[in-house]
N, C-alpha and C. Protein backbone atom coordinates (compact mmCIF):
# COMPACT_ATOMS: atom_id res chain seq x y z
N MET A 1 4.56 -5.06 -10.24
CA MET A 1 3.87 -3.95 -9.52
C MET A 1 2.93 -3.23 -10.53
N GLY A 2 3.11 -3.31 -11.76
CA GLY A 2 2.48 -2.62 -12.72
C GLY A 2 1.01 -2.80 -12.71
N VAL A 3 0.62 -4.16 -12.40
CA VAL A 3 -0.84 -4.52 -12.35
C VAL A 3 -1.48 -3.70 -11.18
N ALA A 4 -0.82 -3.51 -10.08
CA ALA A 4 -1.42 -2.80 -8.90
C ALA A 4 -1.70 -1.41 -9.35
N GLY A 5 -0.85 -0.77 -10.03
CA GLY A 5 -0.85 0.56 -10.42
C GLY A 5 -2.02 0.78 -11.35
N THR A 6 -2.24 -0.24 -12.20
CA THR A 6 -3.30 -0.18 -13.28
C THR A 6 -4.70 -0.06 -12.69
N VAL A 7 -4.95 -0.60 -11.48
CA VAL A 7 -6.19 -0.56 -10.93
C VAL A 7 -6.55 0.99 -10.54
N GLY A 8 -5.60 1.61 -9.95
CA GLY A 8 -5.78 3.16 -9.74
C GLY A 8 -6.04 3.89 -11.02
N VAL A 9 -5.37 3.50 -12.02
CA VAL A 9 -5.50 4.25 -13.35
C VAL A 9 -6.90 4.14 -13.99
N MET A 10 -7.44 2.68 -13.83
CA MET A 10 -8.72 2.33 -14.29
C MET A 10 -9.78 3.13 -13.48
N VAL A 11 -9.65 3.21 -12.21
CA VAL A 11 -10.52 3.87 -11.39
C VAL A 11 -10.68 5.42 -11.78
N CYS A 12 -9.51 5.94 -12.03
CA CYS A 12 -9.58 7.39 -12.57
C CYS A 12 -10.21 7.54 -13.90
N SER A 13 -9.98 6.58 -14.78
CA SER A 13 -10.71 6.53 -16.02
C SER A 13 -12.21 6.43 -15.83
N ILE A 14 -12.68 5.61 -15.07
CA ILE A 14 -14.01 5.33 -14.88
C ILE A 14 -14.64 6.65 -14.32
N PHE A 15 -14.05 7.28 -13.45
CA PHE A 15 -14.59 8.49 -12.77
C PHE A 15 -14.21 9.92 -13.51
N GLY A 16 -13.51 9.69 -14.73
CA GLY A 16 -13.18 10.91 -15.39
C GLY A 16 -12.27 11.85 -14.83
N ILE A 17 -11.24 11.29 -14.09
CA ILE A 17 -10.26 12.07 -13.54
C ILE A 17 -9.14 12.48 -14.60
N ASP A 18 -8.76 13.53 -14.57
CA ASP A 18 -7.74 13.98 -15.59
C ASP A 18 -6.51 13.12 -15.63
N GLU A 19 -6.06 12.77 -16.76
CA GLU A 19 -4.89 12.03 -16.86
C GLU A 19 -3.60 12.37 -16.12
N ARG A 20 -3.51 13.70 -15.82
CA ARG A 20 -2.25 14.08 -15.07
C ARG A 20 -2.30 13.53 -13.66
N TYR A 21 -3.42 12.95 -13.18
CA TYR A 21 -3.39 12.39 -11.85
C TYR A 21 -3.27 10.82 -11.91
N HIS A 22 -3.16 10.37 -13.06
CA HIS A 22 -3.11 8.72 -13.15
C HIS A 22 -1.97 8.22 -12.57
N GLY A 23 -0.83 8.99 -12.59
CA GLY A 23 0.52 8.50 -12.04
C GLY A 23 0.37 8.40 -10.54
N LYS A 24 -0.26 9.41 -9.96
CA LYS A 24 -0.57 9.40 -8.44
C LYS A 24 -1.45 8.16 -8.07
N ALA A 25 -2.42 7.99 -8.80
CA ALA A 25 -3.35 6.78 -8.52
C ALA A 25 -2.53 5.58 -8.78
N SER A 26 -1.69 5.35 -9.68
CA SER A 26 -0.87 4.21 -9.95
C SER A 26 0.11 4.10 -8.61
N ASP A 27 0.55 5.09 -8.13
CA ASP A 27 1.48 5.00 -7.02
C ASP A 27 0.79 4.45 -5.84
N LEU A 28 -0.49 4.91 -5.52
CA LEU A 28 -1.11 4.43 -4.39
C LEU A 28 -1.48 2.94 -4.53
N GLY A 29 -1.79 2.53 -5.82
CA GLY A 29 -1.95 1.04 -5.96
C GLY A 29 -0.75 0.26 -5.76
N LYS A 30 0.47 0.75 -6.20
CA LYS A 30 1.66 0.23 -5.86
C LYS A 30 2.08 0.01 -4.56
N ALA A 31 1.73 1.16 -3.74
CA ALA A 31 2.02 1.17 -2.31
C ALA A 31 1.40 0.05 -1.53
N MET A 32 -0.14 -0.02 -1.93
CA MET A 32 -0.75 -1.12 -1.26
C MET A 32 -0.20 -2.48 -1.62
N GLN A 33 0.14 -2.59 -2.80
CA GLN A 33 0.67 -3.90 -3.27
C GLN A 33 2.03 -4.34 -2.58
N LEU A 34 2.82 -3.37 -2.44
CA LEU A 34 4.02 -3.62 -1.67
C LEU A 34 3.67 -3.96 -0.33
N THR A 35 2.88 -3.30 0.40
CA THR A 35 2.49 -3.64 1.76
C THR A 35 1.84 -5.11 1.77
N ASN A 36 1.03 -5.52 0.82
CA ASN A 36 0.46 -6.80 0.77
C ASN A 36 1.59 -7.88 0.53
N ILE A 37 2.49 -7.55 -0.31
CA ILE A 37 3.72 -8.36 -0.50
C ILE A 37 4.35 -8.69 0.93
N CYS A 38 4.70 -7.59 1.59
CA CYS A 38 5.36 -7.68 2.87
C CYS A 38 4.46 -8.44 3.92
N ARG A 39 3.23 -8.16 3.88
CA ARG A 39 2.30 -8.91 4.86
C ARG A 39 2.35 -10.38 4.76
N ASP A 40 2.52 -10.90 3.46
CA ASP A 40 2.31 -12.26 3.25
C ASP A 40 3.55 -13.00 2.92
N VAL A 41 4.70 -12.47 3.32
CA VAL A 41 6.03 -13.27 3.07
C VAL A 41 5.92 -14.64 3.55
N ALA A 42 5.45 -14.96 4.84
CA ALA A 42 5.63 -16.21 5.36
C ALA A 42 4.60 -17.10 4.71
N GLU A 43 3.34 -16.47 4.62
CA GLU A 43 2.27 -17.42 3.77
C GLU A 43 2.82 -17.82 2.49
N ASP A 44 3.24 -16.79 1.72
CA ASP A 44 3.86 -17.23 0.37
C ASP A 44 4.97 -18.16 0.34
N ALA A 45 5.96 -17.97 1.39
CA ALA A 45 7.07 -18.98 1.45
C ALA A 45 6.57 -20.28 1.71
N HIS A 46 5.60 -20.43 2.66
CA HIS A 46 5.12 -21.77 2.94
C HIS A 46 4.39 -22.42 1.83
N ALA A 47 4.00 -21.64 0.76
CA ALA A 47 3.41 -22.15 -0.40
C ALA A 47 4.41 -22.27 -1.58
N GLY A 48 5.67 -22.02 -1.21
CA GLY A 48 6.57 -22.14 -2.28
C GLY A 48 6.73 -20.84 -3.20
N ARG A 49 6.26 -19.70 -2.64
CA ARG A 49 6.14 -18.57 -3.50
C ARG A 49 7.07 -17.55 -2.79
N ARG A 50 7.57 -16.66 -3.61
CA ARG A 50 8.32 -15.48 -3.17
C ARG A 50 8.07 -14.33 -4.11
N TYR A 51 7.43 -13.23 -3.55
CA TYR A 51 7.22 -12.08 -4.22
C TYR A 51 8.21 -10.99 -3.99
N LEU A 52 9.07 -11.18 -2.97
CA LEU A 52 10.02 -10.23 -2.70
C LEU A 52 11.04 -10.32 -3.90
N PRO A 53 11.58 -9.07 -4.32
CA PRO A 53 12.51 -9.07 -5.41
C PRO A 53 13.74 -10.00 -5.20
N PHE A 54 14.11 -10.75 -6.10
CA PHE A 54 15.23 -11.66 -5.95
C PHE A 54 16.51 -10.84 -5.67
N THR A 55 16.60 -9.69 -6.12
CA THR A 55 17.84 -8.90 -5.87
C THR A 55 17.92 -8.35 -4.51
N MET A 56 16.78 -8.41 -3.79
CA MET A 56 16.82 -8.08 -2.34
C MET A 56 16.68 -9.38 -1.44
N CYS A 57 16.25 -10.47 -1.89
CA CYS A 57 16.10 -11.59 -1.10
C CYS A 57 16.31 -12.85 -1.99
N PRO A 58 17.63 -13.25 -2.34
CA PRO A 58 17.83 -14.31 -3.27
C PRO A 58 17.71 -15.68 -2.70
N HIS A 59 17.14 -15.83 -1.45
CA HIS A 59 16.95 -17.22 -0.94
C HIS A 59 15.66 -17.83 -1.46
N PRO A 60 15.68 -19.14 -1.65
CA PRO A 60 14.52 -19.77 -1.89
C PRO A 60 13.34 -19.77 -0.79
N PRO A 61 12.16 -19.64 -1.29
CA PRO A 61 11.04 -19.45 -0.26
C PRO A 61 11.00 -20.58 0.83
N GLU A 62 11.55 -21.73 0.40
CA GLU A 62 11.55 -22.91 1.47
C GLU A 62 12.54 -22.49 2.60
N ASP A 63 13.50 -21.82 2.31
CA ASP A 63 14.63 -21.44 3.30
C ASP A 63 13.93 -20.27 4.27
N ILE A 64 13.10 -19.41 3.76
CA ILE A 64 12.38 -18.52 4.52
C ILE A 64 11.44 -19.18 5.43
N ALA A 65 10.50 -20.17 4.92
CA ALA A 65 9.64 -20.85 5.68
C ALA A 65 10.30 -21.70 6.71
N ALA A 66 11.37 -22.13 6.38
CA ALA A 66 12.19 -23.08 7.41
C ALA A 66 12.77 -22.27 8.50
N GLY A 67 12.89 -20.91 8.36
CA GLY A 67 13.53 -20.12 9.29
C GLY A 67 15.03 -20.11 9.25
N VAL A 68 15.58 -20.37 8.07
CA VAL A 68 16.97 -20.28 7.87
C VAL A 68 17.39 -18.87 8.18
N PRO A 69 18.42 -18.68 9.18
CA PRO A 69 18.67 -17.31 9.59
C PRO A 69 19.01 -16.28 8.48
N ALA A 70 19.88 -16.73 7.51
CA ALA A 70 20.24 -15.78 6.48
C ALA A 70 19.01 -15.44 5.65
N ALA A 71 18.15 -16.38 5.29
CA ALA A 71 16.98 -16.17 4.52
C ALA A 71 16.00 -15.28 5.12
N VAL A 72 15.90 -15.43 6.42
CA VAL A 72 14.92 -14.70 7.18
C VAL A 72 15.44 -13.20 7.30
N ALA A 73 16.73 -13.04 7.59
CA ALA A 73 17.36 -11.60 7.61
C ALA A 73 17.20 -10.99 6.29
N SER A 74 17.47 -11.80 5.21
CA SER A 74 17.22 -11.06 3.97
C SER A 74 15.87 -10.66 3.57
N ALA A 75 14.98 -11.53 4.12
CA ALA A 75 13.53 -11.14 3.92
C ALA A 75 13.14 -9.99 4.71
N GLU A 76 13.68 -9.86 5.88
CA GLU A 76 13.41 -8.70 6.75
C GLU A 76 14.00 -7.35 6.19
N ALA A 77 15.20 -7.49 5.64
CA ALA A 77 15.76 -6.37 5.07
C ALA A 77 14.93 -5.98 3.79
N ALA A 78 14.44 -6.89 2.97
CA ALA A 78 13.67 -6.60 1.89
C ALA A 78 12.38 -6.00 2.21
N MET A 79 11.79 -6.54 3.30
CA MET A 79 10.45 -6.04 3.78
C MET A 79 10.66 -4.48 4.19
N ALA A 80 11.81 -4.12 4.90
CA ALA A 80 11.98 -2.86 5.38
C ALA A 80 12.12 -1.87 4.21
N SER A 81 12.97 -2.39 3.20
CA SER A 81 13.06 -1.52 2.02
C SER A 81 11.89 -1.35 1.23
N LEU A 82 11.04 -2.36 1.16
CA LEU A 82 9.81 -2.23 0.24
C LEU A 82 8.91 -1.19 1.10
N LEU A 83 8.72 -1.47 2.33
CA LEU A 83 7.85 -0.63 3.14
C LEU A 83 8.25 0.92 3.04
N ASN A 84 9.61 1.14 3.03
CA ASN A 84 10.04 2.53 2.91
C ASN A 84 9.60 3.04 1.50
N GLU A 85 9.83 2.25 0.52
CA GLU A 85 9.42 2.64 -0.85
C GLU A 85 7.81 2.87 -0.81
N ALA A 86 7.20 2.03 -0.16
CA ALA A 86 5.61 2.14 -0.16
C ALA A 86 5.25 3.51 0.57
N ASP A 87 5.96 3.88 1.63
CA ASP A 87 5.79 5.12 2.14
C ASP A 87 5.82 6.36 1.21
N ASP A 88 6.83 6.26 0.37
CA ASP A 88 6.89 7.41 -0.69
C ASP A 88 5.66 7.30 -1.64
N LEU A 89 5.33 6.13 -1.92
CA LEU A 89 4.21 5.97 -2.96
C LEU A 89 2.89 6.46 -2.24
N TYR A 90 2.77 6.15 -0.94
CA TYR A 90 1.58 6.48 -0.29
C TYR A 90 1.47 8.02 -0.22
N ARG A 91 2.58 8.77 0.03
CA ARG A 91 2.61 10.16 -0.02
C ARG A 91 2.17 10.68 -1.35
N SER A 92 2.83 10.19 -2.39
CA SER A 92 2.41 10.55 -3.74
C SER A 92 0.99 10.37 -4.04
N GLY A 93 0.44 9.25 -3.73
CA GLY A 93 -0.95 8.95 -3.93
C GLY A 93 -1.90 9.83 -3.26
N ARG A 94 -1.63 10.09 -2.00
CA ARG A 94 -2.40 10.83 -1.13
C ARG A 94 -2.46 12.33 -1.68
N SER A 95 -1.37 12.78 -2.31
CA SER A 95 -1.39 14.17 -2.71
C SER A 95 -2.40 14.54 -3.78
N ALA A 96 -3.05 13.38 -4.43
CA ALA A 96 -3.99 13.67 -5.44
C ALA A 96 -5.39 13.29 -5.07
N LEU A 97 -5.62 12.87 -3.83
CA LEU A 97 -6.97 12.40 -3.38
C LEU A 97 -8.05 13.37 -3.60
N ALA A 98 -7.73 14.71 -3.29
CA ALA A 98 -8.65 15.65 -3.33
C ALA A 98 -9.35 15.90 -4.69
N VAL A 99 -8.86 15.42 -5.80
CA VAL A 99 -9.56 15.42 -7.21
C VAL A 99 -10.65 14.31 -7.18
N LEU A 100 -10.69 13.41 -6.25
CA LEU A 100 -11.65 12.28 -6.47
C LEU A 100 -13.04 12.72 -5.91
N PRO A 101 -14.15 12.27 -6.37
CA PRO A 101 -15.37 12.62 -5.82
C PRO A 101 -15.46 12.13 -4.35
N LEU A 102 -16.22 12.82 -3.64
CA LEU A 102 -16.16 12.61 -2.07
C LEU A 102 -16.36 11.18 -1.68
N ARG A 103 -17.35 10.60 -2.18
CA ARG A 103 -17.57 9.00 -1.90
C ARG A 103 -16.41 8.12 -2.17
N LEU A 104 -15.91 8.30 -3.31
CA LEU A 104 -14.74 7.61 -3.79
C LEU A 104 -13.50 7.96 -3.05
N ARG A 105 -13.29 9.18 -2.72
CA ARG A 105 -12.18 9.62 -1.83
C ARG A 105 -12.17 9.07 -0.49
N LEU A 106 -13.41 8.93 0.01
CA LEU A 106 -13.46 8.24 1.30
C LEU A 106 -13.11 6.77 1.28
N ALA A 107 -13.56 6.15 0.28
CA ALA A 107 -13.26 4.71 0.14
C ALA A 107 -11.71 4.47 0.01
N VAL A 108 -11.16 5.18 -0.96
CA VAL A 108 -9.77 5.05 -1.27
C VAL A 108 -8.86 5.41 -0.11
N THR A 109 -9.27 6.48 0.60
CA THR A 109 -8.61 7.02 1.81
C THR A 109 -8.60 6.00 2.91
N SER A 110 -9.77 5.33 3.01
CA SER A 110 -9.81 4.32 4.07
C SER A 110 -9.06 3.02 3.82
N ALA A 111 -9.12 2.62 2.59
CA ALA A 111 -8.31 1.42 2.16
C ALA A 111 -6.81 1.74 2.33
N ALA A 112 -6.29 2.93 1.97
CA ALA A 112 -4.95 3.20 2.09
C ALA A 112 -4.47 3.36 3.56
N ALA A 113 -5.38 3.86 4.35
CA ALA A 113 -5.02 3.95 5.81
C ALA A 113 -4.97 2.59 6.37
N MET A 114 -5.81 1.64 5.97
CA MET A 114 -5.75 0.21 6.57
C MET A 114 -4.49 -0.44 6.10
N TYR A 115 -4.08 -0.31 4.87
CA TYR A 115 -2.83 -0.87 4.34
C TYR A 115 -1.66 -0.18 5.07
N GLU A 116 -1.66 1.04 5.27
CA GLU A 116 -0.59 1.75 5.93
C GLU A 116 -0.52 1.22 7.42
N GLY A 117 -1.67 0.92 7.88
CA GLY A 117 -1.66 0.40 9.35
C GLY A 117 -0.99 -0.99 9.36
N ILE A 118 -1.17 -1.81 8.34
CA ILE A 118 -0.51 -3.15 8.18
C ILE A 118 1.00 -2.86 8.11
N GLY A 119 1.45 -1.97 7.38
CA GLY A 119 2.88 -1.70 7.28
C GLY A 119 3.44 -1.27 8.58
N ALA A 120 2.66 -0.40 9.38
CA ALA A 120 3.03 0.04 10.72
C ALA A 120 3.23 -1.25 11.65
N GLU A 121 2.39 -2.02 11.48
CA GLU A 121 2.33 -3.29 12.35
C GLU A 121 3.56 -4.21 12.00
N LEU A 122 3.87 -4.22 10.70
CA LEU A 122 5.06 -5.02 10.35
C LEU A 122 6.36 -4.34 10.87
N ARG A 123 6.38 -3.13 10.75
CA ARG A 123 7.52 -2.29 11.52
C ARG A 123 7.60 -2.54 12.96
N ARG A 124 6.40 -2.57 13.65
CA ARG A 124 6.31 -2.72 15.01
C ARG A 124 7.08 -4.16 15.44
N ARG A 125 6.77 -5.08 14.51
CA ARG A 125 7.39 -6.48 14.64
C ARG A 125 8.75 -6.65 14.28
N ASN A 126 9.37 -5.46 13.75
CA ASN A 126 10.77 -5.58 13.34
C ASN A 126 10.90 -6.37 12.05
N TYR A 127 9.81 -6.39 11.16
CA TYR A 127 9.70 -7.04 9.99
C TYR A 127 9.96 -8.55 10.08
N GLN A 128 9.65 -9.22 11.14
CA GLN A 128 9.74 -10.55 11.28
C GLN A 128 8.78 -11.31 10.43
N PRO A 129 9.12 -11.91 9.34
CA PRO A 129 8.13 -12.57 8.40
C PRO A 129 7.42 -13.78 9.01
N LEU A 130 8.15 -14.31 9.92
CA LEU A 130 7.47 -15.53 10.48
C LEU A 130 6.78 -15.47 11.88
N ALA A 131 6.49 -14.21 12.06
CA ALA A 131 5.73 -13.81 13.39
C ALA A 131 4.29 -13.93 13.17
N GLY A 132 3.72 -14.60 12.07
CA GLY A 132 2.30 -14.63 11.77
C GLY A 132 1.92 -13.40 10.93
N ARG A 133 0.79 -13.64 10.37
CA ARG A 133 0.25 -12.62 9.51
C ARG A 133 -0.08 -11.37 10.24
N ALA A 134 0.41 -10.33 9.75
CA ALA A 134 0.10 -9.05 10.48
C ALA A 134 -1.25 -8.47 10.03
N PHE A 135 -1.89 -7.98 11.13
CA PHE A 135 -3.27 -7.38 10.80
C PHE A 135 -3.48 -6.22 11.72
N VAL A 136 -4.51 -5.32 11.42
CA VAL A 136 -4.71 -4.27 12.23
C VAL A 136 -5.96 -4.59 13.10
N PRO A 137 -5.90 -4.56 14.40
CA PRO A 137 -7.01 -4.90 15.21
C PRO A 137 -8.17 -3.93 14.92
N MET A 138 -9.41 -4.39 15.21
CA MET A 138 -10.60 -3.66 14.79
C MET A 138 -10.50 -2.32 15.32
N ASP A 139 -10.30 -2.09 16.61
CA ASP A 139 -10.22 -0.74 17.21
C ASP A 139 -9.23 0.12 16.54
N ARG A 140 -8.05 -0.37 16.26
CA ARG A 140 -7.07 0.38 15.55
C ARG A 140 -7.52 0.82 14.13
N LYS A 141 -8.13 -0.18 13.43
CA LYS A 141 -8.64 0.02 12.14
C LYS A 141 -9.66 1.09 12.06
N ALA A 142 -10.45 1.07 13.07
CA ALA A 142 -11.66 2.12 13.08
C ALA A 142 -10.97 3.53 13.31
N GLY A 143 -9.95 3.63 14.24
CA GLY A 143 -9.20 4.89 14.45
C GLY A 143 -8.55 5.37 13.18
N LEU A 144 -7.85 4.44 12.52
CA LEU A 144 -7.15 4.80 11.19
C LEU A 144 -8.24 5.34 10.16
N VAL A 145 -9.24 4.54 9.99
CA VAL A 145 -10.28 4.95 9.02
C VAL A 145 -10.87 6.33 9.36
N PHE A 146 -11.14 6.52 10.62
CA PHE A 146 -11.82 7.66 11.17
C PHE A 146 -10.77 8.85 10.86
N SER A 147 -9.64 8.77 11.27
CA SER A 147 -8.65 9.84 10.98
C SER A 147 -8.44 10.14 9.59
N ALA A 148 -8.40 9.11 8.80
CA ALA A 148 -8.12 9.26 7.30
C ALA A 148 -9.43 10.05 6.68
N ILE A 149 -10.55 9.61 7.08
CA ILE A 149 -11.84 10.21 6.57
C ILE A 149 -11.84 11.70 6.97
N LEU A 150 -11.45 11.96 8.27
CA LEU A 150 -11.51 13.29 8.81
C LEU A 150 -10.53 14.19 8.00
N ARG A 151 -9.37 13.64 7.80
CA ARG A 151 -8.42 14.45 6.87
C ARG A 151 -8.93 14.60 5.45
N ALA A 152 -9.58 13.51 4.92
CA ALA A 152 -10.02 13.65 3.54
C ALA A 152 -11.07 14.56 3.37
N THR A 153 -11.96 14.82 4.33
CA THR A 153 -13.06 15.68 4.20
C THR A 153 -12.88 17.10 4.68
N THR A 154 -11.80 17.42 5.51
CA THR A 154 -11.54 18.58 5.99
C THR A 154 -10.46 19.37 5.01
N ARG A 155 -9.84 18.71 4.24
CA ARG A 155 -8.84 19.23 3.36
C ARG A 155 -9.59 20.15 2.32
N LYS A 156 -9.04 21.22 2.18
CA LYS A 156 -9.77 22.19 1.10
C LYS A 156 -9.32 21.65 -0.24
N ARG A 157 -10.34 21.59 -1.00
CA ARG A 157 -9.89 21.23 -2.54
C ARG A 157 -9.37 22.43 -3.12
N THR A 158 -8.30 22.24 -3.77
CA THR A 158 -7.71 23.41 -4.41
C THR A 158 -8.50 23.63 -5.81
N GLN A 159 -8.25 24.80 -6.40
CA GLN A 159 -8.89 25.05 -7.57
C GLN A 159 -8.43 24.12 -8.66
N GLU A 160 -7.33 23.62 -8.66
CA GLU A 160 -6.86 22.64 -9.56
C GLU A 160 -7.53 21.32 -9.35
N GLY A 161 -7.76 20.99 -8.06
CA GLY A 161 -8.47 19.71 -7.78
C GLY A 161 -9.92 19.84 -8.40
N ARG A 162 -10.55 21.02 -8.19
CA ARG A 162 -11.94 21.11 -8.60
C ARG A 162 -12.12 21.05 -10.04
N SER A 163 -11.03 21.39 -10.82
CA SER A 163 -11.01 21.39 -12.32
C SER A 163 -10.37 20.18 -12.86
N ALA A 164 -9.95 19.26 -12.00
CA ALA A 164 -9.24 18.20 -12.49
C ALA A 164 -10.04 17.14 -13.38
N ARG A 165 -11.32 17.11 -13.07
CA ARG A 165 -12.14 16.11 -13.85
C ARG A 165 -12.32 16.55 -15.26
N VAL A 166 -12.33 15.62 -16.09
CA VAL A 166 -12.39 15.96 -17.57
C VAL A 166 -13.84 16.30 -17.82
N SER A 167 -14.02 17.38 -18.67
CA SER A 167 -15.47 17.86 -19.07
C SER A 167 -15.96 16.79 -19.91
N THR A 168 -17.25 16.39 -19.64
CA THR A 168 -17.94 15.42 -20.63
C THR A 168 -19.11 16.11 -21.47
């Protein structure tokens, strides 16, 4: 998961965001990666890969792909746990979005909303990994992005947020 967090930190560095926000950016990248892992459990299992932590799902990917009940139940429980962890990371990451320049904030906010929508779809399906790849329908995606952008543009930037960029 460290690699996913690194992307957020790199973006902060490129845009001159104060280092105290790098952890929040890392959290947002990790949240999206956890969602991605959960979305792709079946696809990965069919390819002989498992990105679910072994401690949560010790079954071989072939057992998940074959629908072995114990393996599927273990994958479902792991997905639920990882998506709950992702929720906390999304909250953390969103708490620092106000320090981003507006265009970047809109892009990051939109991406996070779409990934959170995938997590919601996985929950709606009761985490069933073999139910097909979860996706957010276009009309729902548009609604998520619109709502996220509206929230991102109507939040008042705090004094701390305005001064968060490093002077150059």
